[in-house]
N, C-alpha and C. Protein backbone atom coordinates (compact mmCIF):
# COMPACT_ATOMS: atom_id res chain seq x y z
N MET A 1 -13.94 -36.77 -5.49
CA MET A 1 -13.05 -35.65 -5.29
C MET A 1 -12.85 -35.37 -3.81
N SER A 2 -13.90 -35.58 -3.00
CA SER A 2 -13.76 -35.30 -1.58
C SER A 2 -12.74 -36.22 -0.92
N SER A 3 -12.56 -37.45 -1.44
CA SER A 3 -11.57 -38.33 -0.84
C SER A 3 -10.16 -37.83 -1.10
N VAL A 4 -9.94 -37.11 -2.21
CA VAL A 4 -8.62 -36.57 -2.50
C VAL A 4 -8.31 -35.39 -1.59
N PHE A 5 -9.28 -34.59 -1.32
CA PHE A 5 -9.04 -33.34 -0.60
C PHE A 5 -9.36 -33.38 0.88
N GLY A 6 -9.91 -34.45 1.37
CA GLY A 6 -10.20 -34.55 2.79
C GLY A 6 -11.52 -33.92 3.15
N LYS A 7 -11.77 -33.85 4.43
CA LYS A 7 -13.04 -33.33 4.91
C LYS A 7 -13.00 -31.81 5.01
N LEU A 8 -14.14 -31.21 4.86
CA LEU A 8 -14.26 -29.76 5.01
C LEU A 8 -14.10 -29.41 6.47
N ARG A 9 -13.49 -28.27 6.77
CA ARG A 9 -13.32 -27.83 8.14
C ARG A 9 -14.12 -26.55 8.34
N ILE A 10 -14.81 -26.47 9.43
CA ILE A 10 -15.55 -25.29 9.87
C ILE A 10 -16.49 -24.78 8.78
N GLY A 11 -16.97 -25.66 7.94
CA GLY A 11 -17.96 -25.28 6.95
C GLY A 11 -17.43 -24.39 5.84
N LEU A 12 -16.17 -24.07 5.86
CA LEU A 12 -15.61 -23.21 4.82
C LEU A 12 -15.15 -24.07 3.66
N VAL A 13 -15.55 -23.68 2.46
CA VAL A 13 -15.19 -24.44 1.28
C VAL A 13 -14.30 -23.56 0.43
N LEU A 14 -13.10 -24.04 0.14
CA LEU A 14 -12.14 -23.29 -0.65
C LEU A 14 -11.97 -23.94 -2.01
N VAL A 15 -11.53 -23.15 -2.97
CA VAL A 15 -11.36 -23.63 -4.33
C VAL A 15 -9.95 -24.14 -4.53
N LEU A 16 -9.84 -25.21 -5.26
CA LEU A 16 -8.53 -25.76 -5.58
C LEU A 16 -8.21 -25.52 -7.04
N SER A 17 -6.99 -25.17 -7.28
CA SER A 17 -6.52 -25.05 -8.65
C SER A 17 -5.97 -26.41 -9.06
N LEU A 18 -6.67 -27.06 -9.97
CA LEU A 18 -6.30 -28.42 -10.34
C LEU A 18 -5.36 -28.50 -11.52
N ALA A 19 -4.97 -27.37 -12.07
CA ALA A 19 -4.17 -27.35 -13.28
C ALA A 19 -2.88 -28.15 -13.16
N SER A 20 -2.22 -28.08 -12.01
CA SER A 20 -0.93 -28.77 -11.90
C SER A 20 -0.99 -29.98 -10.97
N PHE A 21 -2.18 -30.46 -10.68
CA PHE A 21 -2.32 -31.59 -9.77
C PHE A 21 -1.99 -32.92 -10.42
N SER A 22 -1.37 -33.76 -9.65
CA SER A 22 -1.29 -35.18 -9.95
C SER A 22 -1.70 -35.89 -8.67
N THR A 23 -1.81 -37.19 -8.68
CA THR A 23 -2.24 -37.89 -7.47
C THR A 23 -1.22 -37.78 -6.36
N TYR A 24 -0.01 -37.37 -6.65
CA TYR A 24 1.02 -37.25 -5.62
C TYR A 24 1.33 -35.81 -5.26
N ALA A 25 0.60 -34.88 -5.80
CA ALA A 25 0.87 -33.46 -5.54
C ALA A 25 0.28 -33.05 -4.20
N ILE A 26 0.64 -31.85 -3.77
CA ILE A 26 0.14 -31.28 -2.54
C ILE A 26 -1.39 -31.23 -2.56
N THR A 27 -2.01 -31.53 -1.43
CA THR A 27 -3.47 -31.46 -1.33
C THR A 27 -3.84 -30.56 -0.16
N ILE A 28 -5.07 -30.07 -0.17
CA ILE A 28 -5.54 -29.15 0.85
C ILE A 28 -6.82 -29.72 1.47
N SER A 29 -7.08 -29.38 2.71
CA SER A 29 -8.22 -29.97 3.42
C SER A 29 -9.57 -29.34 3.06
N MET A 30 -9.62 -28.40 2.12
CA MET A 30 -10.87 -27.74 1.73
C MET A 30 -10.96 -27.58 0.23
N THR A 31 -12.19 -27.46 -0.27
CA THR A 31 -12.39 -27.30 -1.71
C THR A 31 -13.46 -26.26 -2.02
N SER A 32 -13.46 -25.69 -3.23
CA SER A 32 -14.52 -24.87 -3.83
C SER A 32 -14.07 -24.46 -5.22
N SER A 33 -14.64 -23.42 -5.81
CA SER A 33 -14.25 -23.04 -7.17
C SER A 33 -14.13 -21.52 -7.29
N GLU A 34 -13.41 -21.07 -8.29
CA GLU A 34 -13.20 -19.63 -8.47
C GLU A 34 -14.53 -18.91 -8.72
N SER A 35 -15.45 -19.57 -9.41
CA SER A 35 -16.74 -18.95 -9.68
C SER A 35 -17.67 -19.00 -8.47
N ASN A 36 -17.33 -19.78 -7.47
CA ASN A 36 -18.13 -19.89 -6.25
C ASN A 36 -17.19 -19.78 -5.05
N ARG A 37 -16.69 -18.56 -4.82
CA ARG A 37 -15.71 -18.33 -3.75
C ARG A 37 -16.29 -18.64 -2.38
N SER A 38 -15.45 -19.11 -1.50
CA SER A 38 -15.85 -19.37 -0.13
C SER A 38 -15.84 -18.09 0.67
N SER A 39 -16.82 -17.93 1.53
CA SER A 39 -16.91 -16.75 2.39
C SER A 39 -16.11 -16.97 3.67
N LEU A 40 -15.39 -15.96 4.06
CA LEU A 40 -14.67 -15.94 5.33
C LEU A 40 -14.95 -14.57 5.93
N ASN A 41 -15.79 -14.52 6.94
CA ASN A 41 -16.19 -13.24 7.51
C ASN A 41 -15.01 -12.50 8.13
N SER A 42 -15.11 -11.20 8.15
CA SER A 42 -14.08 -10.37 8.77
C SER A 42 -13.95 -10.77 10.23
N GLY A 43 -12.72 -11.04 10.66
CA GLY A 43 -12.45 -11.46 12.03
C GLY A 43 -12.48 -12.96 12.23
N ALA A 44 -13.05 -13.70 11.28
CA ALA A 44 -13.13 -15.17 11.40
C ALA A 44 -11.82 -15.80 10.91
N THR A 45 -11.51 -16.96 11.44
CA THR A 45 -10.32 -17.70 11.00
C THR A 45 -10.72 -19.13 10.68
N VAL A 46 -9.90 -19.75 9.85
CA VAL A 46 -10.05 -21.17 9.56
C VAL A 46 -8.65 -21.73 9.34
N ASP A 47 -8.41 -22.94 9.85
CA ASP A 47 -7.13 -23.60 9.67
C ASP A 47 -7.21 -24.51 8.45
N VAL A 48 -6.20 -24.44 7.61
CA VAL A 48 -6.11 -25.25 6.40
C VAL A 48 -4.93 -26.20 6.57
N THR A 49 -5.18 -27.49 6.34
CA THR A 49 -4.13 -28.49 6.42
C THR A 49 -3.70 -28.88 5.02
N LEU A 50 -2.40 -28.79 4.76
CA LEU A 50 -1.83 -29.22 3.48
C LEU A 50 -1.19 -30.58 3.72
N SER A 51 -1.47 -31.54 2.83
CA SER A 51 -0.92 -32.88 2.96
C SER A 51 -0.13 -33.25 1.72
N SER A 52 0.67 -34.27 1.83
CA SER A 52 1.49 -34.78 0.72
C SER A 52 2.41 -33.72 0.15
N ALA A 53 2.88 -32.83 1.00
CA ALA A 53 3.78 -31.77 0.54
C ALA A 53 5.15 -32.36 0.23
N SER A 54 5.79 -31.76 -0.75
CA SER A 54 7.13 -32.19 -1.14
C SER A 54 8.06 -30.98 -1.13
N GLY A 55 8.97 -30.96 -0.19
CA GLY A 55 9.91 -29.84 -0.11
C GLY A 55 9.28 -28.63 0.56
N THR A 56 9.83 -27.48 0.26
CA THR A 56 9.39 -26.22 0.85
C THR A 56 8.05 -25.79 0.26
N ILE A 57 7.17 -25.31 1.11
CA ILE A 57 5.89 -24.78 0.65
C ILE A 57 6.00 -23.26 0.58
N SER A 58 5.67 -22.71 -0.58
CA SER A 58 5.62 -21.25 -0.70
C SER A 58 4.16 -20.82 -0.77
N VAL A 59 3.88 -19.65 -0.23
CA VAL A 59 2.52 -19.15 -0.18
C VAL A 59 2.47 -17.79 -0.85
N SER A 60 1.49 -17.60 -1.74
CA SER A 60 1.27 -16.28 -2.31
C SER A 60 -0.18 -15.89 -2.06
N ASN A 61 -0.40 -14.61 -1.84
CA ASN A 61 -1.72 -14.10 -1.49
C ASN A 61 -1.96 -12.85 -2.33
N THR A 62 -3.04 -12.83 -3.10
CA THR A 62 -3.29 -11.70 -3.99
C THR A 62 -3.87 -10.49 -3.28
N ASN A 63 -4.32 -10.64 -2.02
CA ASN A 63 -4.92 -9.50 -1.33
C ASN A 63 -4.78 -9.66 0.19
N THR A 64 -3.64 -9.19 0.72
CA THR A 64 -3.41 -9.29 2.16
C THR A 64 -4.29 -8.34 2.96
N SER A 65 -4.92 -7.38 2.31
CA SER A 65 -5.85 -6.50 3.01
C SER A 65 -7.16 -7.22 3.32
N ALA A 66 -7.52 -8.22 2.52
CA ALA A 66 -8.76 -8.97 2.74
C ALA A 66 -8.53 -10.21 3.59
N VAL A 67 -7.44 -10.95 3.34
CA VAL A 67 -7.17 -12.22 4.03
C VAL A 67 -5.70 -12.28 4.40
N THR A 68 -5.41 -12.66 5.64
CA THR A 68 -4.03 -12.88 6.04
C THR A 68 -3.79 -14.38 6.19
N VAL A 69 -2.53 -14.79 6.03
CA VAL A 69 -2.15 -16.20 6.12
C VAL A 69 -1.01 -16.32 7.12
N THR A 70 -1.16 -17.22 8.08
CA THR A 70 -0.13 -17.45 9.09
C THR A 70 0.17 -18.93 9.16
N LYS A 71 1.44 -19.28 9.12
CA LYS A 71 1.84 -20.68 9.26
C LYS A 71 1.75 -21.06 10.73
N ILE A 72 1.00 -22.14 11.01
CA ILE A 72 0.80 -22.59 12.39
C ILE A 72 1.79 -23.69 12.75
N SER A 73 1.94 -24.69 11.86
CA SER A 73 2.86 -25.79 12.12
C SER A 73 3.22 -26.47 10.81
N SER A 74 4.31 -27.25 10.85
CA SER A 74 4.67 -28.02 9.66
C SER A 74 5.55 -29.21 10.04
N THR A 75 5.45 -30.23 9.18
CA THR A 75 6.31 -31.41 9.29
C THR A 75 6.93 -31.59 7.90
N THR A 76 7.59 -32.70 7.68
CA THR A 76 8.21 -32.92 6.37
C THR A 76 7.20 -33.18 5.27
N VAL A 77 5.96 -33.57 5.61
CA VAL A 77 4.97 -33.87 4.58
C VAL A 77 3.65 -33.12 4.73
N SER A 78 3.49 -32.32 5.77
CA SER A 78 2.24 -31.58 5.92
C SER A 78 2.49 -30.26 6.64
N ALA A 79 1.50 -29.37 6.54
CA ALA A 79 1.59 -28.07 7.19
C ALA A 79 0.19 -27.56 7.48
N VAL A 80 0.07 -26.73 8.50
CA VAL A 80 -1.20 -26.10 8.84
C VAL A 80 -1.03 -24.59 8.75
N TYR A 81 -1.93 -23.95 8.01
CA TYR A 81 -1.93 -22.50 7.86
C TYR A 81 -3.27 -21.96 8.34
N ARG A 82 -3.24 -20.81 9.00
CA ARG A 82 -4.47 -20.16 9.45
C ARG A 82 -4.79 -18.99 8.52
N LEU A 83 -6.00 -19.01 7.95
CA LEU A 83 -6.49 -17.93 7.11
C LEU A 83 -7.42 -17.08 7.96
N ARG A 84 -7.25 -15.75 7.88
CA ARG A 84 -8.07 -14.84 8.68
C ARG A 84 -8.70 -13.80 7.78
N GLY A 85 -10.01 -13.65 7.86
CA GLY A 85 -10.71 -12.59 7.15
C GLY A 85 -10.40 -11.27 7.82
N VAL A 86 -9.97 -10.28 7.03
CA VAL A 86 -9.58 -8.99 7.60
C VAL A 86 -10.58 -7.91 7.23
N SER A 87 -10.77 -7.67 5.95
CA SER A 87 -11.73 -6.66 5.52
C SER A 87 -12.30 -7.06 4.17
N THR A 88 -13.37 -6.41 3.79
CA THR A 88 -14.11 -6.74 2.58
C THR A 88 -13.19 -6.83 1.37
N GLY A 89 -13.33 -7.89 0.59
CA GLY A 89 -12.55 -8.06 -0.62
C GLY A 89 -12.45 -9.53 -1.00
N ILE A 90 -11.70 -9.80 -2.07
CA ILE A 90 -11.46 -11.17 -2.50
C ILE A 90 -9.97 -11.43 -2.49
N ALA A 91 -9.60 -12.68 -2.29
CA ALA A 91 -8.19 -13.06 -2.25
C ALA A 91 -8.03 -14.47 -2.79
N ASN A 92 -6.94 -14.70 -3.50
CA ASN A 92 -6.54 -16.02 -3.95
C ASN A 92 -5.28 -16.37 -3.18
N VAL A 93 -5.34 -17.41 -2.37
CA VAL A 93 -4.19 -17.85 -1.58
C VAL A 93 -3.69 -19.14 -2.21
N THR A 94 -2.47 -19.10 -2.76
CA THR A 94 -1.90 -20.25 -3.45
C THR A 94 -0.78 -20.86 -2.62
N PHE A 95 -0.86 -22.16 -2.42
CA PHE A 95 0.17 -22.94 -1.73
C PHE A 95 0.88 -23.77 -2.79
N LYS A 96 2.20 -23.71 -2.84
CA LYS A 96 2.95 -24.41 -3.88
C LYS A 96 4.11 -25.17 -3.25
N ASP A 97 4.30 -26.41 -3.73
CA ASP A 97 5.47 -27.19 -3.35
C ASP A 97 6.21 -27.58 -4.62
N SER A 98 7.14 -28.51 -4.53
CA SER A 98 7.95 -28.87 -5.70
C SER A 98 7.18 -29.66 -6.75
N ARG A 99 6.00 -30.19 -6.41
CA ARG A 99 5.25 -31.01 -7.35
C ARG A 99 3.94 -30.41 -7.83
N GLY A 100 3.47 -29.36 -7.22
CA GLY A 100 2.19 -28.81 -7.64
C GLY A 100 1.77 -27.63 -6.80
N LYS A 101 0.54 -27.21 -7.01
CA LYS A 101 0.01 -26.09 -6.24
C LYS A 101 -1.50 -26.23 -6.09
N VAL A 102 -2.02 -25.59 -5.05
CA VAL A 102 -3.46 -25.51 -4.82
C VAL A 102 -3.77 -24.06 -4.48
N THR A 103 -4.95 -23.60 -4.91
CA THR A 103 -5.34 -22.23 -4.64
C THR A 103 -6.67 -22.21 -3.92
N ALA A 104 -6.75 -21.45 -2.86
CA ALA A 104 -7.99 -21.22 -2.14
C ALA A 104 -8.54 -19.87 -2.59
N TYR A 105 -9.76 -19.87 -3.12
CA TYR A 105 -10.41 -18.65 -3.59
C TYR A 105 -11.39 -18.19 -2.51
N LEU A 106 -11.16 -17.02 -1.96
CA LEU A 106 -11.93 -16.54 -0.82
C LEU A 106 -12.57 -15.19 -1.09
N LYS A 107 -13.65 -14.94 -0.38
CA LYS A 107 -14.23 -13.60 -0.36
C LYS A 107 -14.54 -13.26 1.09
N VAL A 108 -14.29 -12.01 1.44
CA VAL A 108 -14.64 -11.51 2.75
C VAL A 108 -15.77 -10.51 2.50
N PRO A 109 -17.01 -10.92 2.80
CA PRO A 109 -18.15 -10.05 2.49
C PRO A 109 -18.30 -8.93 3.50
N LEU A 110 -18.93 -7.85 3.06
CA LEU A 110 -19.28 -6.77 3.97
C LEU A 110 -20.60 -7.15 4.60
N LEU A 111 -20.57 -7.43 5.89
CA LEU A 111 -21.77 -7.82 6.61
C LEU A 111 -22.26 -6.66 7.45
N GLN A 112 -23.54 -6.59 7.64
CA GLN A 112 -24.10 -5.54 8.48
C GLN A 112 -23.44 -5.61 9.85
N GLY A 113 -22.90 -4.52 10.31
CA GLY A 113 -22.27 -4.48 11.61
C GLY A 113 -20.82 -4.93 11.61
N THR A 114 -20.28 -5.38 10.47
CA THR A 114 -18.90 -5.81 10.41
C THR A 114 -17.96 -4.61 10.49
N LEU A 115 -16.90 -4.75 11.23
CA LEU A 115 -15.90 -3.69 11.30
C LEU A 115 -14.97 -3.85 10.11
N ASP A 116 -15.10 -2.99 9.15
CA ASP A 116 -14.32 -3.06 7.93
C ASP A 116 -13.28 -1.94 7.95
N GLY A 117 -12.03 -2.31 8.22
CA GLY A 117 -10.96 -1.31 8.30
C GLY A 117 -10.82 -0.51 7.03
N ARG A 118 -11.01 -1.14 5.87
CA ARG A 118 -10.90 -0.43 4.59
C ARG A 118 -11.95 0.66 4.49
N GLN A 119 -13.16 0.33 4.86
CA GLN A 119 -14.24 1.31 4.81
C GLN A 119 -13.99 2.44 5.80
N LEU A 120 -13.55 2.12 7.00
CA LEU A 120 -13.24 3.14 7.99
C LEU A 120 -12.09 4.03 7.54
N ALA A 121 -11.11 3.46 6.85
CA ALA A 121 -9.91 4.21 6.44
C ALA A 121 -10.20 5.23 5.34
N SER A 122 -11.30 5.07 4.64
CA SER A 122 -11.59 6.03 3.56
C SER A 122 -11.65 7.45 4.11
N ASN A 123 -12.07 7.61 5.34
CA ASN A 123 -12.09 8.93 5.97
C ASN A 123 -10.67 9.46 6.20
N CYS A 124 -9.74 8.59 6.52
CA CYS A 124 -8.35 8.98 6.81
C CYS A 124 -7.66 9.56 5.58
N PHE A 125 -8.04 9.05 4.41
CA PHE A 125 -7.34 9.42 3.18
C PHE A 125 -7.62 10.86 2.77
N GLN A 126 -8.64 11.49 3.36
CA GLN A 126 -8.91 12.89 3.08
C GLN A 126 -7.70 13.75 3.45
N CYS A 127 -7.09 13.45 4.57
CA CYS A 127 -5.95 14.24 5.05
C CYS A 127 -4.60 13.55 4.87
N HIS A 128 -4.60 12.22 4.90
CA HIS A 128 -3.34 11.48 4.85
C HIS A 128 -3.02 10.95 3.45
N GLY A 129 -3.77 11.38 2.44
CA GLY A 129 -3.50 10.99 1.06
C GLY A 129 -4.02 9.60 0.74
N THR A 130 -4.16 9.31 -0.54
CA THR A 130 -4.65 8.02 -1.00
C THR A 130 -3.79 6.90 -0.43
N ASN A 131 -4.44 5.96 0.23
CA ASN A 131 -3.76 4.83 0.88
C ASN A 131 -2.71 5.28 1.89
N GLY A 132 -2.86 6.47 2.45
CA GLY A 132 -1.97 6.95 3.50
C GLY A 132 -0.59 7.33 3.02
N THR A 133 -0.47 7.74 1.74
CA THR A 133 0.85 8.03 1.15
C THR A 133 1.41 9.40 1.49
N GLY A 134 0.67 10.23 2.15
CA GLY A 134 1.22 11.56 2.46
C GLY A 134 0.15 12.47 3.00
N GLY A 135 0.21 13.74 2.64
CA GLY A 135 -0.72 14.70 3.20
C GLY A 135 -0.14 15.22 4.50
N PHE A 136 -0.99 15.33 5.52
CA PHE A 136 -0.50 15.84 6.81
C PHE A 136 0.57 14.93 7.40
N GLU A 137 0.36 13.65 7.31
CA GLU A 137 1.33 12.68 7.84
C GLU A 137 1.17 11.38 7.06
N ARG A 138 2.28 10.76 6.72
CA ARG A 138 2.26 9.49 6.00
C ARG A 138 1.90 8.36 6.95
N LEU A 139 0.89 7.55 6.57
CA LEU A 139 0.48 6.40 7.36
C LEU A 139 1.02 5.10 6.77
N MET A 140 1.19 5.07 5.45
CA MET A 140 1.67 3.85 4.79
C MET A 140 3.01 3.44 5.37
N GLY A 141 3.12 2.17 5.71
CA GLY A 141 4.37 1.64 6.24
C GLY A 141 4.44 1.65 7.76
N GLU A 142 3.48 2.29 8.44
CA GLU A 142 3.47 2.28 9.89
C GLU A 142 2.91 0.95 10.38
N SER A 143 3.34 0.52 11.54
CA SER A 143 2.88 -0.75 12.11
C SER A 143 1.52 -0.58 12.78
N TYR A 144 0.90 -1.71 13.03
CA TYR A 144 -0.38 -1.73 13.75
C TYR A 144 -0.24 -0.99 15.07
N SER A 145 0.80 -1.33 15.85
CA SER A 145 0.95 -0.74 17.18
C SER A 145 1.17 0.77 17.11
N GLU A 146 1.88 1.24 16.09
CA GLU A 146 2.08 2.69 15.95
C GLU A 146 0.75 3.40 15.68
N ILE A 147 -0.01 2.87 14.74
CA ILE A 147 -1.28 3.51 14.36
C ILE A 147 -2.29 3.42 15.50
N TYR A 148 -2.46 2.22 16.06
CA TYR A 148 -3.41 2.06 17.15
C TYR A 148 -3.00 2.92 18.35
N GLY A 149 -1.70 2.94 18.66
CA GLY A 149 -1.20 3.73 19.79
C GLY A 149 -1.50 5.21 19.63
N GLU A 150 -1.32 5.73 18.42
CA GLU A 150 -1.62 7.15 18.18
C GLU A 150 -3.10 7.43 18.37
N LEU A 151 -3.95 6.56 17.83
CA LEU A 151 -5.39 6.76 17.98
C LEU A 151 -5.79 6.71 19.46
N ALA A 152 -5.23 5.75 20.18
CA ALA A 152 -5.53 5.62 21.60
C ALA A 152 -5.08 6.85 22.38
N GLU A 153 -3.95 7.44 22.01
CA GLU A 153 -3.49 8.66 22.66
C GLU A 153 -4.45 9.82 22.43
N PHE A 154 -5.00 9.90 21.23
CA PHE A 154 -5.96 10.97 20.96
C PHE A 154 -7.19 10.85 21.84
N ILE A 155 -7.74 9.65 21.96
CA ILE A 155 -8.99 9.54 22.74
C ILE A 155 -8.75 9.58 24.24
N SER A 156 -7.51 9.39 24.67
CA SER A 156 -7.21 9.49 26.10
C SER A 156 -6.71 10.89 26.46
N ASP A 157 -6.85 11.82 25.52
CA ASP A 157 -6.45 13.23 25.72
C ASP A 157 -4.96 13.41 25.99
N GLN A 158 -4.13 12.47 25.52
CA GLN A 158 -2.69 12.59 25.69
C GLN A 158 -2.04 13.37 24.56
N GLU A 159 -2.77 13.59 23.47
CA GLU A 159 -2.16 14.23 22.32
C GLU A 159 -3.16 15.14 21.61
N ASP A 160 -2.77 16.37 21.35
CA ASP A 160 -3.52 17.33 20.52
C ASP A 160 -5.01 17.43 20.85
N THR A 161 -5.33 17.56 22.12
CA THR A 161 -6.72 17.70 22.52
C THR A 161 -7.36 18.87 21.79
N GLY A 162 -8.53 18.65 21.24
CA GLY A 162 -9.26 19.71 20.55
C GLY A 162 -8.88 19.90 19.10
N GLU A 163 -7.86 19.23 18.63
CA GLU A 163 -7.44 19.35 17.23
C GLU A 163 -8.29 18.44 16.34
N LEU A 164 -8.13 18.57 15.04
CA LEU A 164 -8.94 17.83 14.07
C LEU A 164 -8.81 16.32 14.27
N MET A 165 -7.60 15.81 14.43
CA MET A 165 -7.42 14.36 14.56
C MET A 165 -8.03 13.85 15.86
N TRP A 166 -7.99 14.65 16.90
CA TRP A 166 -8.63 14.29 18.17
C TRP A 166 -10.13 14.09 17.95
N ALA A 167 -10.76 14.99 17.21
CA ALA A 167 -12.20 14.90 16.94
C ALA A 167 -12.53 13.63 16.15
N HIS A 168 -11.69 13.29 15.18
CA HIS A 168 -11.91 12.07 14.40
C HIS A 168 -11.79 10.84 15.30
N ALA A 169 -10.72 10.76 16.07
CA ALA A 169 -10.47 9.60 16.91
C ALA A 169 -11.58 9.41 17.95
N MET A 170 -12.12 10.49 18.46
CA MET A 170 -13.18 10.39 19.47
C MET A 170 -14.44 9.71 18.91
N GLY A 171 -14.60 9.72 17.60
CA GLY A 171 -15.77 9.10 16.99
C GLY A 171 -15.67 7.60 16.81
N TYR A 172 -14.50 7.00 17.11
CA TYR A 172 -14.31 5.57 16.91
C TYR A 172 -14.43 4.79 18.21
N THR A 173 -14.98 3.59 18.12
CA THR A 173 -14.93 2.66 19.25
C THR A 173 -13.55 2.02 19.25
N ASP A 174 -13.21 1.33 20.33
CA ASP A 174 -11.91 0.65 20.38
C ASP A 174 -11.82 -0.41 19.28
N ALA A 175 -12.90 -1.16 19.06
CA ALA A 175 -12.90 -2.19 18.02
C ALA A 175 -12.69 -1.56 16.63
N GLN A 176 -13.30 -0.41 16.39
CA GLN A 176 -13.12 0.28 15.11
C GLN A 176 -11.67 0.75 14.95
N MET A 177 -11.08 1.25 16.04
CA MET A 177 -9.67 1.68 15.96
C MET A 177 -8.76 0.50 15.66
N GLN A 178 -9.05 -0.66 16.24
CA GLN A 178 -8.25 -1.85 15.97
C GLN A 178 -8.38 -2.26 14.50
N ALA A 179 -9.62 -2.27 13.97
CA ALA A 179 -9.84 -2.63 12.57
C ALA A 179 -9.14 -1.63 11.65
N LEU A 180 -9.23 -0.38 11.98
CA LEU A 180 -8.59 0.68 11.20
C LEU A 180 -7.07 0.53 11.22
N ALA A 181 -6.50 0.33 12.39
CA ALA A 181 -5.05 0.17 12.52
C ALA A 181 -4.57 -1.07 11.78
N HIS A 182 -5.34 -2.15 11.87
CA HIS A 182 -4.94 -3.37 11.16
C HIS A 182 -4.93 -3.13 9.65
N TYR A 183 -5.98 -2.52 9.13
CA TYR A 183 -6.05 -2.27 7.69
C TYR A 183 -4.91 -1.35 7.24
N LEU A 184 -4.73 -0.24 7.93
CA LEU A 184 -3.70 0.72 7.52
C LEU A 184 -2.29 0.13 7.61
N SER A 185 -2.06 -0.74 8.58
CA SER A 185 -0.72 -1.33 8.73
C SER A 185 -0.40 -2.31 7.60
N GLN A 186 -1.41 -2.77 6.86
CA GLN A 186 -1.20 -3.70 5.76
C GLN A 186 -0.88 -3.00 4.44
N LEU A 187 -1.06 -1.67 4.39
CA LEU A 187 -0.84 -0.94 3.14
C LEU A 187 0.65 -0.85 2.84
N ARG A 188 1.00 -1.15 1.62
CA ARG A 188 2.40 -1.05 1.17
C ARG A 188 2.46 -0.39 -0.18
């Protein structure tokens, strides 16, 4: 099986969905199984190479809050995608071409000391509503730069000094604000 899927990269093992595979279908440079998900730590990235692609490759991701996917390069028969662990959770990333599909089954574990935007955001939902849908101000749909910029303004005393949001923002490190802004910007 390893000869079909190539060598493992960066020690990360991803699961392949073999249901629609034939010997000429799209292949991926990593393997694992749904019952044994591969770990991708928050903030870590791994590049996945797809080979023997036929036509356009479509990508679906069941949890963009846990794992993001970015296309790095492509040719007529192969493509490279970068998977990035974002916050604690599981995600199934499926790559599909005209002849088949492969699925990478991932988990982003909560590690001691890991900056987990989802966990940090639970405090925000007290005032901004579940998943940032309302309350004092709607956060859902705002971009990373909007959210991070507002937080940075609070801690630099440029906005509402002494107010409730100022007190919350003062409790975060810059890295925590970045993780928080990234997580909140992914909510839809």
